[in-house]
Amino acid sequence: MYTACLHPLEEEYDAIVVGTGISGGWAAKELCEKGLKTLVLERGRMIKHIEDYHTANLDPWDLPNGGAPLRETRERKFKQDRDSSATNEAHQHFFVDDKLHPYNEDRRFDWIRGYHVGGRSLMWGRHSYRLSDLDFEANKKDGIAVDWPIRYKDIEPWYDHVEEFIGVSGENLGLKHFPDQKLLKAIDLNCVEEDLKTVLKEKYQDRVLTVGRVAHITEGTKPGMGRSTCQFRNRCKRGCPFGAYFSSNSSTLPVAAETGNMTLRPNSIVHEVIYDEKLGKATGVKVIDTETNEKFEFKAKVIFLCASAMASASILLQSKSTRFPNGLGNDSGELGHNVMDHHFKVGAKGTAIGYDDKYYKGRRPTGTYMPRFRNIGGDTNQKSFIRGYGFQGGATRGGTSELIAELKYGPKLKEAILKPGEWRMDFHGFGETLPNHDNKMYLDYDKKDKWGLPTITFDADFGENELAMREDIKQQAVEMLEAGGCENIETYDEKVGMGLGIHEMGTARMGRDPKTSVLNKHNQIHACKNVFVTDGAFMTSAGNQNPSLTYMAFTARAASFAAEELKKSNL
C-alpha cells in the first residue's frame, strides 16, 4: 500500500514527478522500477484505493436527490457543472471547488479537474486508442503547425508495454489508420448494435461498428492492488473497489511503492522549477503546502511534469530566470499556445424498431465505437474540412421514459416502472481540433488564488474546420441511423466551450526545431534537458482518438530514456 509522506526526511532525490494522474502514475512506476529514488508531488489530498471510494457501493436511494446535484454543490462547482456528470453526488467530491480554484476566460473554456492522488485517472472515460501515422504525419502533409518529431514505429513498442500492463478490452480490426492493440476479450455488443453492425458492413466499405476499447480487465488479473475483472456495475467515476479499470491508485502507484523507491507527498503545489544558470539545468522545484502554507524546495537530477497540460504549462511560465525570462523552455514563444481539445456533443439519435422483446444484462462500462472514415484517402477525402472524427455511442433501453406520472399510481405505477422503455441508438461524434497558435492560456498576476499564485486565463475556441466537420457528423449519423431502420431520428449540436472533452492538450508541444516547439522527441525541454513534460501538454496535434493511452506510452518511453541518460551522466 502506498502512503503519504507529509514531511520527507530527504530534500534531494534522483527524480521528482509532479502530478499523480495517468501520466504521473506512469512516470512514478517506470522511474522507481529503474532504481531511481523518486519524490511524487500531488497538489490535492490523499485518496487511498478502495477505502476512500466512499460512494462506490451506494444505490440511488442512498444518495440525496437520488444523486442529482445539490444546489450548494452546483453553486460551488459552477464551472465543473458544465460537465453534467461532474456534480452528481455520487462522485462530485472528486471534482474541484471552482471558488477555491478559480480561472479566467477571455473565451469560454470548460476546465474540468480533479485535485487528489490519482487525479483524473479515477474519473476518466477509459477509452484507449492508439494514434497512427495518419495522425503523426498529418501536420506535415497539411502544412499545419509543426511536424511531429516521431512516427508510429517509435511509439508502437511503448503502446504494447502500456496495454499489457493496464489491460484494455476490445476487438482488433486490422485497419492501418486505427492500429491493432494488445487487447483482452471484447465486451459484447447488444442485439441492436449487432444488427446495425451487419447493416453498415453491407452498405459501407469504409465503416465498421465495434465495441469501445476500454481499460477494463475482462479476463485474468493485472498488476496492482488486487486488480480483477470488471463487474459491469458502471460506477467507474466513484472509484472501482475491484480495480477493474486502470487508475493510478489501483495500479501504477502501488507498483511504484512496492519498489521502495517512491516517496509520495500530497497537498503540495509545485509552482516553479528551479533553474541553475551556471549548471544550465534544473535543480529542483518550489512547493507550497496547501494546508499549512509552508514553502519547501526539493532537489532532483531529473524532473517530470505530469500535472496536466494547463498546470504544467503554468508551472513552466512561472519558472522565470535570466536565461528564461518568459518561462522555462519558452525560447520559441509557443509555451501556453496551441491549446487543443476534441469537439463533441454533436450527432443524432433514433428509435430502434422491432426489439421490444429483447433486453441486456448488466451495466456495460462502454458503448460502441466507429473509427475515423473521413480523409483517409480516395473517396473518403472531403472538400469542406481536413482530418476526421470517430463515433461513440450505442443502443440503450430506457426504464421509465414513457411513464406519465399523472396517469399512473398504485398497482398501475408499479406495473409501469417494471416495463422497459424504447430502444434508442446514438451516434455521438468526437472530432479532431486543429492546432492554432491563437488558442492559448496565459497567467494573470493581478488575479491570484488562495496561495498567492497567478491564475490561468483561457483564450481559445473551435475554428471553421471544426464547425464544418460537425455538419458532416450530423449528416452521417442520420444516414447511418436511417440505414439501420431507426425512426424518430433527431440531430443534436450543443454549443460547448473547448475543454469540455476533458482532452486538453498542446501547451508545450513536441517538435523538431527549438525555434517552433518546446519539447524534443524524448519529451525533454529543448534547452533544459533534465526537465520532461509527458502529460497532454506535449501533443503536437490532437488526432480524434481519446488521448490518455498516448500520454501513458510517451511517459513510459520518456522515463526509460531519462533513466538511461542518468546512467550515462548525460542529465
Protein backbone atom coordinates (compact mmCIF):
# COMPACT_ATOMS: atom_id res chain seq x y z
CA MET A 1 0.00 0.00 0.00
CA TYR A 2 1.28 3.44 -0.89
CA THR A 3 1.13 6.01 1.88
CA ALA A 4 1.51 9.74 2.14
CA CYS A 5 4.70 11.24 3.49
CA LEU A 6 3.94 14.76 4.61
CA HIS A 7 7.41 15.53 5.89
CA PRO A 8 10.03 13.78 3.77
CA LEU A 9 13.30 13.42 5.62
CA GLU A 10 15.25 13.86 2.42
CA GLU A 11 15.37 17.01 0.34
CA GLU A 12 17.24 15.53 -2.62
CA TYR A 13 16.13 12.74 -4.94
CA ASP A 14 17.08 11.15 -8.21
CA ALA A 15 13.76 12.21 -9.74
CA ILE A 16 10.75 14.36 -8.97
CA VAL A 17 7.36 13.66 -10.55
CA VAL A 18 4.74 16.41 -10.42
CA GLY A 19 1.21 15.02 -10.52
CA THR A 20 -0.30 11.60 -9.82
CA GLY A 21 -2.80 11.27 -12.65
CA ILE A 22 -2.46 8.97 -15.64
CA SER A 23 0.93 10.40 -16.70
CA GLY A 24 2.31 10.99 -13.21
CA GLY A 25 1.48 7.47 -12.08
CA TRP A 26 3.26 6.01 -15.07
CA ALA A 27 6.30 8.24 -14.58
CA ALA A 28 6.49 7.18 -10.92
CA LYS A 29 6.21 3.49 -11.77
CA GLU A 30 8.81 3.49 -14.54
CA LEU A 31 11.36 5.63 -12.70
CA CYS A 32 11.03 3.69 -9.45
CA GLU A 33 11.31 0.33 -11.22
CA LYS A 34 14.55 1.54 -12.79
CA GLY A 35 16.00 2.19 -9.35
CA LEU A 36 15.55 5.96 -9.09
CA LYS A 37 14.64 7.40 -5.70
CA THR A 38 11.57 9.35 -6.71
CA LEU A 39 9.57 12.06 -4.94
CA VAL A 40 5.99 12.25 -6.24
CA LEU A 41 4.22 15.55 -5.54
CA GLU A 42 0.45 15.99 -5.74
CA ARG A 43 -1.32 19.29 -5.10
CA GLY A 44 -4.51 17.59 -3.89
CA ARG A 45 -5.44 15.39 -0.95
CA MET A 46 -4.62 11.76 -0.35
CA ILE A 47 -7.00 9.18 -1.84
CA LYS A 48 -6.41 5.57 -0.83
CA HIS A 49 -7.55 2.80 -3.13
CA ILE A 50 -10.87 1.25 -2.02
CA GLU A 51 -11.12 2.77 1.45
CA ASP A 52 -11.60 6.30 0.09
CA TYR A 53 -14.21 5.33 -2.52
CA HIS A 54 -16.99 6.02 -0.05
CA THR A 55 -19.84 6.06 -2.59
CA ALA A 56 -18.71 3.02 -4.59
CA ASN A 57 -21.43 0.74 -3.26
CA LEU A 58 -24.25 3.21 -2.73
CA ASP A 59 -27.53 2.89 -4.62
CA PRO A 60 -29.53 5.89 -5.87
CA TRP A 61 -31.78 5.81 -2.83
CA ASP A 62 -28.71 6.06 -0.59
CA LEU A 63 -27.82 9.44 -2.08
CA PRO A 64 -29.55 12.78 -1.59
CA ASN A 65 -31.87 13.55 -4.53
CA GLY A 66 -31.04 10.14 -5.98
CA GLY A 67 -27.60 11.50 -6.78
CA ALA A 68 -28.81 14.60 -8.63
CA PRO A 69 -26.61 17.65 -7.87
CA LEU A 70 -27.49 19.60 -4.76
CA ARG A 71 -27.91 23.35 -5.09
CA GLU A 72 -24.91 24.05 -2.85
CA THR A 73 -22.76 21.69 -4.97
CA ARG A 74 -23.68 23.49 -8.18
CA GLU A 75 -23.06 26.87 -6.58
CA ARG A 76 -19.51 25.96 -5.54
CA LYS A 77 -18.72 23.93 -8.67
CA PHE A 78 -20.39 26.19 -11.20
CA LYS A 79 -17.80 25.55 -13.91
CA GLN A 80 -17.38 21.85 -13.18
CA ASP A 81 -21.16 21.69 -13.61
CA ARG A 82 -20.67 22.36 -17.34
CA ASP A 83 -19.91 18.63 -17.43
CA SER A 84 -23.31 17.42 -16.32
CA SER A 85 -21.92 14.34 -14.60
CA ALA A 86 -19.20 16.14 -12.59
CA THR A 87 -21.60 17.45 -9.97
CA ASN A 88 -23.53 14.21 -9.44
CA GLU A 89 -23.46 13.49 -5.71
CA ALA A 90 -22.02 10.02 -6.31
CA HIS A 91 -18.68 11.48 -7.41
CA GLN A 92 -18.74 15.27 -7.16
CA HIS A 93 -16.17 15.04 -4.37
CA PHE A 94 -13.57 14.10 -7.00
CA PHE A 95 -14.04 17.38 -8.88
CA VAL A 96 -12.59 20.70 -7.78
CA ASP A 97 -14.31 23.55 -5.98
CA ASP A 98 -14.35 26.39 -8.53
CA LYS A 99 -14.48 29.04 -5.82
CA LEU A 100 -11.27 27.66 -4.28
CA HIS A 101 -9.58 27.01 -7.64
CA PRO A 102 -10.65 29.85 -9.96
CA TYR A 103 -9.65 30.51 -13.54
CA ASN A 104 -10.49 33.19 -16.10
CA GLU A 105 -11.96 33.12 -19.61
CA ASP A 106 -11.40 35.56 -22.46
CA ARG A 107 -13.24 32.95 -24.48
CA ARG A 108 -15.20 30.16 -22.84
CA PHE A 109 -13.12 27.21 -21.68
CA ASP A 110 -14.59 24.34 -19.68
CA TRP A 111 -11.71 23.21 -17.44
CA ILE A 112 -12.89 20.06 -15.65
CA ARG A 113 -10.41 18.97 -12.98
CA GLY A 114 -9.75 16.66 -10.04
CA TYR A 115 -7.13 17.59 -7.43
CA HIS A 116 -6.28 14.47 -5.41
CA VAL A 117 -3.93 11.50 -5.55
CA GLY A 118 -4.84 9.71 -8.76
CA GLY A 119 -6.11 12.85 -10.47
CA ARG A 120 -8.48 12.25 -13.34
CA SER A 121 -7.37 8.63 -13.67
CA LEU A 122 -10.18 7.97 -11.17
CA MET A 123 -12.84 9.65 -13.31
CA TRP A 124 -11.66 9.23 -16.93
CA GLY A 125 -13.76 7.74 -19.71
CA ARG A 126 -11.27 4.83 -20.10
CA HIS A 127 -11.47 4.67 -23.93
CA SER A 128 -7.97 3.66 -25.05
CA TYR A 129 -6.90 4.03 -28.69
CA ARG A 130 -3.58 4.40 -30.46
CA LEU A 131 -2.64 7.21 -32.78
CA SER A 132 -1.32 6.10 -36.17
CA ASP A 133 0.96 7.60 -38.80
CA LEU A 134 -2.16 9.14 -40.31
CA ASP A 135 -2.07 11.32 -37.16
CA PHE A 136 1.70 11.70 -36.74
CA GLU A 137 2.15 12.78 -40.38
CA ALA A 138 -0.95 14.98 -40.64
CA ASN A 139 0.58 18.35 -39.72
CA LYS A 140 3.40 17.93 -42.23
CA LYS A 141 1.09 16.81 -45.04
CA ASP A 142 -1.47 19.53 -44.37
CA GLY A 143 1.06 22.30 -43.76
CA ILE A 144 -0.45 22.95 -40.32
CA ALA A 145 1.58 23.97 -37.22
CA VAL A 146 4.75 21.81 -36.95
CA ASP A 147 5.68 18.22 -37.72
CA TRP A 148 5.71 15.58 -35.01
CA PRO A 149 9.33 14.55 -34.25
CA ILE A 150 8.34 10.88 -34.05
CA ARG A 151 6.39 8.34 -36.08
CA TYR A 152 4.25 5.35 -35.17
CA LYS A 153 7.18 2.89 -35.20
CA ASP A 154 8.86 4.96 -32.46
CA ILE A 155 5.95 4.68 -30.05
CA GLU A 156 4.48 1.29 -31.06
CA PRO A 157 6.53 -0.80 -28.57
CA TRP A 158 5.54 1.57 -25.78
CA TYR A 159 1.87 1.22 -26.65
CA ASP A 160 2.44 -2.55 -26.33
CA HIS A 161 4.18 -2.05 -22.99
CA VAL A 162 1.39 0.07 -21.54
CA GLU A 163 -1.51 -2.05 -22.80
CA GLU A 164 -0.06 -5.28 -21.44
CA PHE A 165 0.18 -3.65 -18.01
CA ILE A 166 -3.13 -1.79 -17.74
CA GLY A 167 -5.46 -4.22 -19.53
CA VAL A 168 -7.52 -2.97 -22.48
CA SER A 169 -10.55 -4.88 -23.77
CA GLY A 170 -11.80 -4.68 -27.33
CA GLU A 171 -11.74 -6.01 -30.89
CA ASN A 172 -8.89 -5.63 -33.38
CA LEU A 173 -10.00 -4.61 -36.88
CA GLY A 174 -6.80 -4.69 -38.95
CA LEU A 175 -7.08 -1.04 -40.00
CA LYS A 176 -3.83 0.81 -40.75
CA HIS A 177 -5.19 4.16 -39.53
CA PHE A 178 -6.69 2.54 -36.41
CA PRO A 179 -3.88 0.27 -35.22
CA ASP A 180 -4.47 -3.10 -33.64
CA GLN A 181 -3.64 -3.31 -29.94
CA LYS A 182 -2.76 -5.78 -27.20
CA LEU A 183 -6.36 -6.47 -26.27
CA LEU A 184 -8.26 -8.56 -23.76
CA LYS A 185 -11.59 -10.22 -24.56
CA ALA A 186 -14.06 -7.73 -26.02
CA ILE A 187 -17.19 -6.67 -24.21
CA ASP A 188 -20.29 -7.76 -26.16
CA LEU A 189 -22.40 -5.53 -28.33
CA ASN A 190 -26.12 -5.74 -27.60
CA CYS A 191 -28.72 -7.03 -30.06
CA VAL A 192 -29.49 -3.64 -31.65
CA GLU A 193 -25.82 -2.84 -32.13
CA GLU A 194 -25.00 -6.26 -33.60
CA ASP A 195 -27.73 -5.92 -36.21
CA LEU A 196 -26.69 -2.37 -37.04
CA LYS A 197 -23.08 -3.52 -37.39
CA THR A 198 -24.18 -6.05 -40.02
CA VAL A 199 -26.29 -3.49 -41.92
CA LEU A 200 -23.48 -0.91 -42.01
CA LYS A 201 -20.92 -3.51 -43.12
CA GLU A 202 -23.14 -4.33 -46.11
CA LYS A 203 -23.79 -0.69 -47.02
CA TYR A 204 -20.34 0.88 -46.49
CA GLN A 205 -16.83 -0.20 -47.46
CA ASP A 206 -15.11 2.29 -45.16
CA ARG A 207 -17.03 2.00 -41.91
CA VAL A 208 -17.11 -0.57 -39.17
CA LEU A 209 -19.03 -0.58 -35.90
CA THR A 210 -17.22 -2.17 -32.98
CA VAL A 211 -17.28 -2.10 -29.21
CA GLY A 212 -15.30 0.66 -27.49
CA ARG A 213 -11.78 -0.34 -26.47
CA VAL A 214 -11.64 0.48 -22.78
CA ALA A 215 -9.09 0.00 -19.98
CA HIS A 216 -11.22 -2.65 -18.24
CA ILE A 217 -10.00 -6.11 -17.30
CA THR A 218 -12.27 -8.72 -18.88
CA GLU A 219 -10.12 -11.79 -18.21
CA GLY A 220 -7.42 -12.63 -15.70
CA THR A 221 -5.74 -10.05 -13.48
CA LYS A 222 -3.26 -7.20 -13.86
CA PRO A 223 -0.53 -5.79 -11.59
CA GLY A 224 -1.53 -3.52 -8.76
CA MET A 225 -3.69 -3.86 -5.67
CA GLY A 226 -5.78 -6.96 -6.32
CA ARG A 227 -6.97 -5.90 -9.78
CA SER A 228 -9.69 -8.25 -11.03
CA THR A 229 -12.30 -8.44 -13.78
CA CYS A 230 -14.99 -5.85 -14.44
CA GLN A 231 -18.28 -6.48 -12.62
CA PHE A 232 -20.38 -4.43 -15.09
CA ARG A 233 -21.55 -2.03 -12.40
CA ASN A 234 -20.73 1.08 -14.47
CA ARG A 235 -19.97 3.12 -11.35
CA CYS A 236 -16.47 3.85 -12.51
CA LYS A 237 -16.25 7.55 -11.64
CA ARG A 238 -16.75 6.67 -7.98
CA GLY A 239 -13.52 4.64 -7.90
CA CYS A 240 -13.56 0.89 -8.51
CA PRO A 241 -13.13 -1.34 -5.42
CA PHE A 242 -12.27 -4.23 -7.77
CA GLY A 243 -9.51 -2.32 -9.55
CA ALA A 244 -11.19 -3.47 -12.74
CA TYR A 245 -10.39 -0.33 -14.69
CA PHE A 246 -6.98 1.27 -14.80
CA SER A 247 -6.22 4.08 -12.37
CA SER A 248 -3.03 5.34 -10.77
CA ASN A 249 -4.46 4.46 -7.36
CA SER A 250 -5.04 0.78 -8.09
CA SER A 251 -2.14 0.16 -10.43
CA THR A 252 0.92 2.31 -11.14
CA LEU A 253 1.32 3.97 -7.73
CA PRO A 254 1.12 0.70 -5.73
CA VAL A 255 3.64 -0.90 -8.10
CA ALA A 256 5.93 2.12 -7.71
CA ALA A 257 5.58 1.92 -3.92
CA GLU A 258 6.49 -1.79 -3.91
CA THR A 259 9.97 -0.92 -5.18
CA GLY A 260 10.71 1.03 -2.02
CA ASN A 261 11.86 3.96 -4.17
CA MET A 262 8.76 6.17 -4.06
CA THR A 263 8.02 8.98 -1.62
CA LEU A 264 4.52 10.41 -2.10
CA ARG A 265 3.66 13.87 -0.79
CA PRO A 266 0.08 15.14 -1.30
CA ASN A 267 -1.16 18.67 -0.55
CA SER A 268 1.90 20.03 -2.35
CA ILE A 269 1.52 22.70 -5.04
CA VAL A 270 4.54 22.84 -7.31
CA HIS A 271 4.68 26.35 -8.72
CA GLU A 272 8.21 26.69 -10.03
CA VAL A 273 11.04 24.63 -11.47
CA ILE A 274 14.37 25.92 -10.15
CA TYR A 275 16.88 26.62 -12.92
CA ASP A 276 20.60 26.94 -12.21
CA GLU A 277 22.17 29.46 -14.58
CA LYS A 278 25.70 28.14 -14.06
CA LEU A 279 24.85 24.47 -14.49
CA GLY A 280 22.46 25.14 -17.35
CA LYS A 281 19.85 22.76 -15.98
CA ALA A 282 17.08 22.45 -13.43
CA THR A 283 17.97 21.51 -9.88
CA GLY A 284 14.59 21.11 -8.21
CA VAL A 285 11.14 22.54 -7.57
CA LYS A 286 9.45 25.02 -5.24
CA VAL A 287 6.43 23.78 -3.32
CA ILE A 288 3.65 25.31 -1.21
CA ASP A 289 1.89 23.11 1.33
CA THR A 290 -1.84 23.65 0.72
CA GLU A 291 -2.78 23.10 4.35
CA THR A 292 -0.02 24.96 6.24
CA ASN A 293 1.16 27.39 3.52
CA GLU A 294 4.73 26.32 4.33
CA LYS A 295 7.20 26.66 1.48
CA PHE A 296 9.66 23.94 0.54
CA GLU A 297 12.32 23.26 -2.04
CA PHE A 298 13.13 19.75 -3.20
CA LYS A 299 16.09 18.88 -5.38
CA ALA A 300 16.48 16.20 -8.04
CA LYS A 301 18.58 15.21 -11.02
CA VAL A 302 15.58 14.89 -13.31
CA ILE A 303 12.07 16.39 -13.18
CA PHE A 304 8.90 15.07 -14.81
CA LEU A 305 6.00 17.50 -15.17
CA CYS A 306 2.76 15.49 -15.31
CA ALA A 307 0.40 17.98 -13.68
CA SER A 308 -1.96 18.23 -16.73
CA ALA A 309 -1.49 20.24 -19.90
CA MET A 310 -2.58 23.52 -18.34
CA ALA A 311 -1.00 23.09 -14.92
CA SER A 312 2.38 22.01 -16.33
CA ALA A 313 2.40 24.98 -18.71
CA SER A 314 1.52 27.22 -15.77
CA ILE A 315 4.47 25.88 -13.75
CA LEU A 316 6.85 26.48 -16.65
CA LEU A 317 5.50 30.00 -17.25
CA GLN A 318 6.09 30.81 -13.57
CA SER A 319 9.63 29.40 -13.74
CA LYS A 320 11.39 32.60 -14.81
CA SER A 321 15.11 33.29 -14.76
CA THR A 322 17.67 35.44 -16.52
CA ARG A 323 18.09 32.67 -19.10
CA PHE A 324 14.32 32.13 -19.44
CA PRO A 325 12.59 35.48 -18.78
CA ASN A 326 9.34 34.26 -20.38
CA GLY A 327 9.19 30.91 -18.65
CA LEU A 328 11.39 27.82 -18.56
CA GLY A 329 11.91 26.40 -22.04
CA ASN A 330 9.95 29.16 -23.75
CA ASP A 331 12.58 30.22 -26.29
CA SER A 332 10.07 29.57 -29.08
CA GLY A 333 7.26 31.63 -27.55
CA GLU A 334 4.96 28.63 -28.01
CA LEU A 335 4.56 27.77 -24.33
CA GLY A 336 0.88 28.09 -23.41
CA HIS A 337 -0.20 28.25 -27.06
CA ASN A 338 -1.75 25.70 -29.43
CA VAL A 339 -4.43 24.62 -26.96
CA MET A 340 -6.44 21.72 -28.33
CA ASP A 341 -9.31 19.52 -27.24
CA HIS A 342 -11.75 17.24 -29.02
CA HIS A 343 -15.08 18.69 -30.04
CA PHE A 344 -18.14 16.56 -29.32
CA LYS A 345 -21.79 16.74 -28.19
CA VAL A 346 -22.87 16.51 -31.80
CA GLY A 347 -24.60 13.65 -33.61
CA ALA A 348 -28.01 12.01 -33.93
CA LYS A 349 -30.30 9.61 -32.08
CA GLY A 350 -33.15 7.43 -33.22
CA THR A 351 -35.60 4.76 -32.05
CA ALA A 352 -34.66 1.18 -32.93
CA ILE A 353 -37.75 -0.77 -34.01
CA GLY A 354 -38.51 -4.45 -33.51
CA TYR A 355 -36.59 -5.21 -30.34
CA ASP A 356 -39.25 -4.81 -27.65
CA ASP A 357 -38.86 -8.46 -26.62
CA LYS A 358 -35.12 -8.12 -26.01
CA TYR A 359 -33.01 -6.65 -23.22
CA TYR A 360 -29.40 -6.84 -21.98
CA LYS A 361 -27.60 -7.99 -18.85
CA GLY A 362 -25.54 -5.78 -16.54
CA ARG A 363 -24.40 -2.18 -16.87
CA ARG A 364 -21.78 -2.24 -19.57
CA PRO A 365 -18.97 0.32 -18.94
CA THR A 366 -18.55 1.15 -22.63
CA GLY A 367 -20.57 1.61 -25.79
CA THR A 368 -19.95 1.36 -29.50
CA TYR A 369 -17.10 2.89 -31.44
CA MET A 370 -16.71 3.66 -35.12
CA PRO A 371 -13.15 4.58 -36.18
CA ARG A 372 -12.46 7.55 -38.40
CA PHE A 373 -13.62 7.13 -42.01
CA ARG A 374 -13.11 10.67 -43.39
CA ASN A 375 -9.95 11.93 -45.15
CA ILE A 376 -8.14 8.61 -45.09
CA GLY A 377 -7.62 8.53 -48.86
CA GLY A 378 -9.57 8.12 -52.10
CA ASP A 379 -13.31 8.77 -51.98
CA THR A 380 -13.16 9.44 -48.23
CA ASN A 381 -11.38 12.78 -48.73
CA GLN A 382 -13.55 15.81 -48.09
CA LYS A 383 -13.52 19.30 -49.58
CA SER A 384 -15.15 21.14 -46.67
CA PHE A 385 -12.74 20.05 -43.88
CA ILE A 386 -9.50 18.20 -43.14
CA ARG A 387 -8.78 15.49 -40.52
CA GLY A 388 -11.65 13.44 -39.15
CA TYR A 389 -13.80 12.09 -36.36
CA GLY A 390 -14.92 8.89 -34.74
CA PHE A 391 -18.33 7.93 -33.40
CA GLN A 392 -19.01 6.80 -29.86
CA GLY A 393 -22.45 5.98 -28.52
CA GLY A 394 -24.54 2.84 -28.59
CA ALA A 395 -28.02 1.45 -28.08
CA THR A 396 -29.75 1.62 -24.71
CA ARG A 397 -33.20 0.87 -23.41
CA GLY A 398 -34.84 3.28 -21.03
CA GLY A 399 -36.56 2.14 -17.87
CA THR A 400 -39.42 4.57 -17.31
CA SER A 401 -39.08 7.02 -20.19
CA GLU A 402 -42.72 6.57 -21.27
CA LEU A 403 -44.09 6.89 -17.76
CA ILE A 404 -46.61 9.71 -17.25
CA ALA A 405 -46.86 10.02 -13.51
CA GLU A 406 -50.23 11.74 -13.53
CA LEU A 407 -51.84 8.76 -15.21
CA LYS A 408 -50.42 6.02 -13.07
CA TYR A 409 -50.45 5.33 -9.35
CA GLY A 410 -50.72 2.35 -7.02
CA PRO A 411 -50.66 -1.00 -8.88
CA LYS A 412 -50.55 0.79 -12.27
CA LEU A 413 -47.47 2.72 -11.19
CA LYS A 414 -45.78 -0.49 -10.07
CA GLU A 415 -46.59 -2.14 -13.40
CA ALA A 416 -45.32 0.85 -15.41
CA ILE A 417 -42.00 1.00 -13.54
CA LEU A 418 -41.29 -2.61 -14.41
CA LYS A 419 -41.96 -2.07 -18.12
CA PRO A 420 -38.83 -1.23 -20.14
CA GLY A 421 -38.85 1.82 -22.37
CA GLU A 422 -37.95 2.05 -26.03
CA TRP A 423 -34.60 1.24 -27.59
CA ARG A 424 -32.59 4.30 -28.67
CA MET A 425 -29.43 4.32 -30.77
CA ASP A 426 -26.98 7.21 -30.54
CA PHE A 427 -24.11 8.17 -32.85
CA HIS A 428 -22.03 10.73 -30.95
CA GLY A 429 -19.14 12.37 -32.80
CA PHE A 430 -15.67 13.03 -31.39
CA GLY A 431 -13.72 15.24 -33.81
CA GLU A 432 -10.15 16.46 -34.14
CA THR A 433 -9.30 20.08 -33.36
CA LEU A 434 -6.52 21.68 -35.37
CA PRO A 435 -3.56 23.27 -33.56
CA ASN A 436 -3.74 27.05 -33.67
CA HIS A 437 -1.20 29.43 -32.12
CA ASP A 438 -4.01 31.88 -31.26
CA ASN A 439 -5.66 29.31 -28.98
CA LYS A 440 -3.80 29.87 -25.73
CA MET A 441 -3.67 30.08 -21.96
CA TYR A 442 -1.70 32.66 -20.02
CA LEU A 443 -1.14 33.79 -16.45
CA ASP A 444 -2.90 36.67 -14.72
CA TYR A 445 -0.72 38.03 -11.93
CA ASP A 446 -3.42 40.54 -10.94
CA LYS A 447 -5.83 37.74 -10.06
CA LYS A 448 -4.22 35.36 -7.62
CA ASP A 449 -5.52 32.27 -5.88
CA LYS A 450 -5.64 31.42 -2.17
CA TRP A 451 -1.92 30.62 -2.16
CA GLY A 452 -0.85 33.84 -3.87
CA LEU A 453 -0.21 32.21 -7.24
CA PRO A 454 -1.32 33.68 -10.56
CA THR A 455 -4.50 32.27 -12.08
CA ILE A 456 -4.83 30.91 -15.59
CA THR A 457 -6.76 32.76 -18.28
CA PHE A 458 -8.01 30.88 -21.33
CA ASP A 459 -8.42 32.35 -24.79
CA ALA A 460 -9.36 29.50 -27.12
CA ASP A 461 -12.21 28.26 -29.28
CA PHE A 462 -13.06 25.90 -32.11
CA GLY A 463 -12.43 27.09 -35.65
CA GLU A 464 -14.05 26.86 -39.09
CA ASN A 465 -12.65 23.39 -39.77
CA GLU A 466 -14.25 22.00 -36.61
CA LEU A 467 -17.60 23.67 -37.40
CA ALA A 468 -17.63 22.22 -40.92
CA MET A 469 -16.79 18.79 -39.50
CA ARG A 470 -19.73 19.00 -37.11
CA GLU A 471 -22.14 19.42 -40.02
CA ASP A 472 -20.80 16.23 -41.59
CA ILE A 473 -21.03 14.39 -38.27
CA LYS A 474 -24.75 15.14 -38.07
CA GLN A 475 -25.42 14.19 -41.68
CA GLN A 476 -23.56 10.89 -41.49
CA ALA A 477 -25.15 9.98 -38.15
CA VAL A 478 -28.63 10.46 -39.62
CA GLU A 479 -27.73 8.49 -42.75
CA MET A 480 -26.48 5.52 -40.75
CA LEU A 481 -29.46 5.51 -38.40
CA GLU A 482 -31.78 5.53 -41.40
CA ALA A 483 -29.83 2.65 -42.93
CA GLY A 484 -30.39 0.74 -39.69
CA GLY A 485 -34.17 1.27 -39.85
CA CYS A 486 -34.38 3.69 -36.93
CA GLU A 487 -37.32 6.04 -36.57
CA ASN A 488 -37.90 9.37 -34.82
CA ILE A 489 -34.35 10.46 -35.72
CA GLU A 490 -33.18 13.71 -34.18
CA THR A 491 -29.89 15.53 -34.57
CA TYR A 492 -28.20 17.49 -31.78
CA ASP A 493 -25.38 20.03 -31.79
CA GLU A 494 -24.74 21.59 -28.40
CA LYS A 495 -22.74 24.77 -28.03
CA VAL A 496 -19.86 23.91 -25.73
CA GLY A 497 -16.57 25.50 -24.84
CA MET A 498 -13.23 24.00 -25.63
CA GLY A 499 -12.11 21.86 -22.70
CA LEU A 500 -15.35 20.00 -22.10
CA GLY A 501 -13.99 16.95 -23.90
CA ILE A 502 -11.53 16.85 -20.96
CA HIS A 503 -8.82 16.10 -23.50
CA GLU A 504 -6.98 19.41 -23.21
CA MET A 505 -3.52 19.32 -24.75
CA GLY A 506 -0.83 21.09 -26.77
CA THR A 507 0.53 23.83 -24.50
CA ALA A 508 4.18 22.67 -24.68
CA ARG A 509 4.26 20.86 -27.99
CA MET A 510 6.93 18.49 -29.28
CA GLY A 511 8.79 19.39 -32.42
CA ARG A 512 11.96 19.05 -34.44
CA ASP A 513 13.00 22.72 -34.21
CA PRO A 514 13.59 24.54 -30.87
CA LYS A 515 12.52 27.75 -32.62
CA THR A 516 8.96 26.48 -33.06
CA SER A 517 8.43 23.98 -30.24
CA VAL A 518 9.06 23.46 -26.53
CA LEU A 519 9.98 19.75 -26.34
CA ASN A 520 12.11 17.37 -28.39
CA LYS A 521 11.28 13.83 -29.47
CA HIS A 522 12.04 12.49 -25.98
CA ASN A 523 9.68 14.94 -24.21
CA GLN A 524 12.67 16.95 -22.98
CA ILE A 525 12.65 20.72 -22.91
CA HIS A 526 14.96 21.65 -25.79
CA ALA A 527 17.14 23.99 -23.74
CA CYS A 528 16.85 22.24 -20.37
CA LYS A 529 17.35 18.54 -20.96
CA ASN A 530 16.67 17.28 -17.43
CA VAL A 531 13.06 18.52 -17.44
CA PHE A 532 10.49 16.28 -19.15
CA VAL A 533 6.82 17.05 -19.85
CA THR A 534 4.71 13.97 -20.53
CA ASP A 535 1.09 14.96 -19.91
CA GLY A 536 -1.16 16.32 -22.66
CA ALA A 537 0.99 19.43 -22.99
CA PHE A 538 3.40 17.63 -25.36
CA MET A 539 0.82 16.87 -28.07
CA THR A 540 1.67 18.36 -31.45
CA SER A 541 -1.70 17.52 -32.97
CA ALA A 542 -4.80 16.05 -31.39
CA GLY A 543 -5.96 13.17 -33.56
CA ASN A 544 -9.60 12.30 -32.95
CA GLN A 545 -8.94 9.41 -30.57
CA ASN A 546 -9.14 9.59 -26.80
CA PRO A 547 -5.56 10.56 -25.89
CA SER A 548 -4.86 9.05 -22.44
CA LEU A 549 -3.25 5.87 -23.79
CA THR A 550 -0.88 8.03 -25.83
CA TYR A 551 0.08 10.03 -22.73
CA MET A 552 0.90 6.77 -20.94
CA ALA A 553 3.02 5.41 -23.80
CA PHE A 554 5.01 8.63 -24.22
CA THR A 555 5.53 8.84 -20.45
CA ALA A 556 6.88 5.29 -20.25
CA ARG A 557 9.17 5.97 -23.22
CA ALA A 558 10.46 9.24 -21.75
CA ALA A 559 11.05 7.71 -18.30
CA SER A 560 13.06 4.86 -19.79
CA PHE A 561 15.13 7.35 -21.78
CA ALA A 562 15.68 9.56 -18.71
CA ALA A 563 16.88 6.62 -16.62
CA GLU A 564 19.37 5.59 -19.33
CA GLU A 565 20.63 9.16 -19.73
CA LEU A 566 21.15 9.44 -15.97
CA LYS A 567 23.22 6.25 -16.02
CA LYS A 568 25.36 7.80 -18.75
CA SER A 569 25.66 11.04 -16.71
CA ASN A 570 24.06 12.98 -19.58
CA LEU A 571 21.50 14.76 -17.39
